[in-house]
Amino acid sequence: MSRWLPLKKASIYSGLSARTLQNYIRKGLIKSSNVIAPGSSRGRRLIDRESLDAFIEAGVNRSATKLNMNSIRGDSPAA
């Protein structure tokens, strides 16, 4: 498998939506490159599979307690 994946293939590979991957890229959590041909105004976003794998592994290695999902979602624990 290639190191660089188009957004759609990276989404299928990871099981994450394309929008979620774009958000993670914007936040600097996953590396990507926008490849633009000379003279073109638009390019093609490619995701670094190694960066994506590392990001997923980091999440797998954290416990649910450390992730503190309630605060991430904005929910507060029931009193």
C-alpha atoms as a PDB file:
ATOM      1  CA  MET A   1       0.000   0.000   0.000  1.00  0.00           C
ATOM      2  CA  SER A   2       1.226   3.449  -0.895  1.00  0.00           C
ATOM      3  CA  ARG A   3       2.405   5.782   1.861  1.00  0.00           C
ATOM      4  CA  TRP A   4       0.222   8.607   0.508  1.00  0.00           C
ATOM      5  CA  LEU A   5      -3.526   8.055   0.272  1.00  0.00           C
ATOM      6  CA  PRO A   6      -6.201  10.221  -1.355  1.00  0.00           C
ATOM      7  CA  LEU A   7      -8.732  11.496   1.169  1.00  0.00           C
ATOM      8  CA  LYS A   8     -11.426   8.990   0.152  1.00  0.00           C
ATOM      9  CA  LYS A   9      -9.064   5.993   0.444  1.00  0.00           C
ATOM     10  CA  ALA A  10      -7.727   7.285   3.766  1.00  0.00           C
ATOM     11  CA  SER A  11     -11.321   7.501   4.987  1.00  0.00           C
ATOM     12  CA  ILE A  12     -12.019   3.897   3.964  1.00  0.00           C
ATOM     13  CA  TYR A  13      -8.672   2.726   5.382  1.00  0.00           C
ATOM     14  CA  SER A  14      -9.213   4.366   8.773  1.00  0.00           C
ATOM     15  CA  GLY A  15     -12.979   4.092   9.116  1.00  0.00           C
ATOM     16  CA  LEU A  16     -13.118   7.846   9.786  1.00  0.00           C
ATOM     17  CA  SER A  17     -15.202  10.189   7.683  1.00  0.00           C
ATOM     18  CA  ALA A  18     -13.488  12.475   5.184  1.00  0.00           C
ATOM     19  CA  ARG A  19     -14.740  15.479   7.184  1.00  0.00           C
ATOM     20  CA  THR A  20     -13.229  14.108  10.402  1.00  0.00           C
ATOM     21  CA  LEU A  21      -9.906  13.538   8.641  1.00  0.00           C
ATOM     22  CA  GLN A  22     -10.015  17.098   7.277  1.00  0.00           C
ATOM     23  CA  ASN A  23     -10.617  18.428  10.790  1.00  0.00           C
ATOM     24  CA  TYR A  24      -7.678  16.414  12.149  1.00  0.00           C
ATOM     25  CA  ILE A  25      -5.473  17.690   9.322  1.00  0.00           C
ATOM     26  CA  ARG A  26      -6.529  21.288  10.064  1.00  0.00           C
ATOM     27  CA  LYS A  27      -5.634  20.754  13.744  1.00  0.00           C
ATOM     28  CA  GLY A  28      -2.226  19.343  12.768  1.00  0.00           C
ATOM     29  CA  LEU A  29      -2.973  15.869  14.145  1.00  0.00           C
ATOM     30  CA  ILE A  30      -2.459  14.095  10.811  1.00  0.00           C
ATOM     31  CA  LYS A  31       0.055  15.036   8.096  1.00  0.00           C
ATOM     32  CA  SER A  32      -1.076  15.654   4.560  1.00  0.00           C
ATOM     33  CA  SER A  33       0.064  17.304   1.358  1.00  0.00           C
ATOM     34  CA  ASN A  34      -1.908  19.229  -1.230  1.00  0.00           C
ATOM     35  CA  VAL A  35      -0.370  18.314  -4.582  1.00  0.00           C
ATOM     36  CA  ILE A  36      -1.016  20.993  -7.204  1.00  0.00           C
ATOM     37  CA  ALA A  37       0.051  20.666 -10.823  1.00  0.00           C
ATOM     38  CA  PRO A  38       1.718  23.743 -12.318  1.00  0.00           C
ATOM     39  CA  GLY A  39      -0.910  26.079 -13.722  1.00  0.00           C
ATOM     40  CA  SER A  40      -3.741  24.468 -11.756  1.00  0.00           C
ATOM     41  CA  SER A  41      -5.779  26.333  -9.205  1.00  0.00           C
ATOM     42  CA  ARG A  42      -6.835  23.214  -7.278  1.00  0.00           C
ATOM     43  CA  GLY A  43      -4.886  20.248  -6.092  1.00  0.00           C
ATOM     44  CA  ARG A  44      -5.357  16.819  -4.639  1.00  0.00           C
ATOM     45  CA  ARG A  45      -5.121  16.284  -0.878  1.00  0.00           C
ATOM     46  CA  LEU A  46      -3.004  13.249   0.014  1.00  0.00           C
ATOM     47  CA  ILE A  47      -2.895  11.823   3.544  1.00  0.00           C
ATOM     48  CA  ASP A  48       0.314  10.428   5.016  1.00  0.00           C
ATOM     49  CA  ARG A  49      -0.668   6.847   5.946  1.00  0.00           C
ATOM     50  CA  GLU A  50       2.166   6.567   8.494  1.00  0.00           C
ATOM     51  CA  SER A  51       0.911   9.701  10.247  1.00  0.00           C
ATOM     52  CA  LEU A  52      -2.644   8.346  10.171  1.00  0.00           C
ATOM     53  CA  ASP A  53      -1.493   5.003  11.607  1.00  0.00           C
ATOM     54  CA  ALA A  54       0.429   6.780  14.387  1.00  0.00           C
ATOM     55  CA  PHE A  55      -2.604   8.918  15.222  1.00  0.00           C
ATOM     56  CA  ILE A  56      -4.854   5.850  15.428  1.00  0.00           C
ATOM     57  CA  GLU A  57      -2.302   3.911  17.504  1.00  0.00           C
ATOM     58  CA  ALA A  58      -2.006   6.841  19.935  1.00  0.00           C
ATOM     59  CA  GLY A  59      -5.773   6.694  20.457  1.00  0.00           C
ATOM     60  CA  VAL A  60      -5.740   2.922  20.905  1.00  0.00           C
ATOM     61  CA  ASN A  61      -3.046   3.193  23.558  1.00  0.00           C
ATOM     62  CA  ARG A  62      -4.986   5.694  25.697  1.00  0.00           C
ATOM     63  CA  SER A  63      -7.632   4.540  28.100  1.00  0.00           C
ATOM     64  CA  ALA A  64     -11.186   5.923  27.953  1.00  0.00           C
ATOM     65  CA  THR A  65     -10.574   7.687  31.274  1.00  0.00           C
ATOM     66  CA  LYS A  66      -7.584   9.575  29.886  1.00  0.00           C
ATOM     67  CA  LEU A  67      -9.579  10.606  26.829  1.00  0.00           C
ATOM     68  CA  ASN A  68     -12.226  12.230  29.070  1.00  0.00           C
ATOM     69  CA  MET A  69     -14.882  11.919  26.381  1.00  0.00           C
ATOM     70  CA  ASN A  70     -17.509  13.898  28.286  1.00  0.00           C
ATOM     71  CA  SER A  71     -15.432  17.064  28.279  1.00  0.00           C
ATOM     72  CA  ILE A  72     -14.496  16.616  24.623  1.00  0.00           C
ATOM     73  CA  ARG A  73     -18.156  16.400  23.591  1.00  0.00           C
ATOM     74  CA  GLY A  74     -19.135  19.221  25.920  1.00  0.00           C
ATOM     75  CA  ASP A  75     -21.328  16.992  28.070  1.00  0.00           C
ATOM     76  CA  SER A  76     -21.104  17.102  31.801  1.00  0.00           C
ATOM     77  CA  PRO A  77     -21.431  14.003  33.972  1.00  0.00           C
ATOM     78  CA  ALA A  78     -24.852  13.481  35.516  1.00  0.00           C
ATOM     79  CA  ALA A  79     -24.990  14.641  39.106  1.00  0.00           C
END
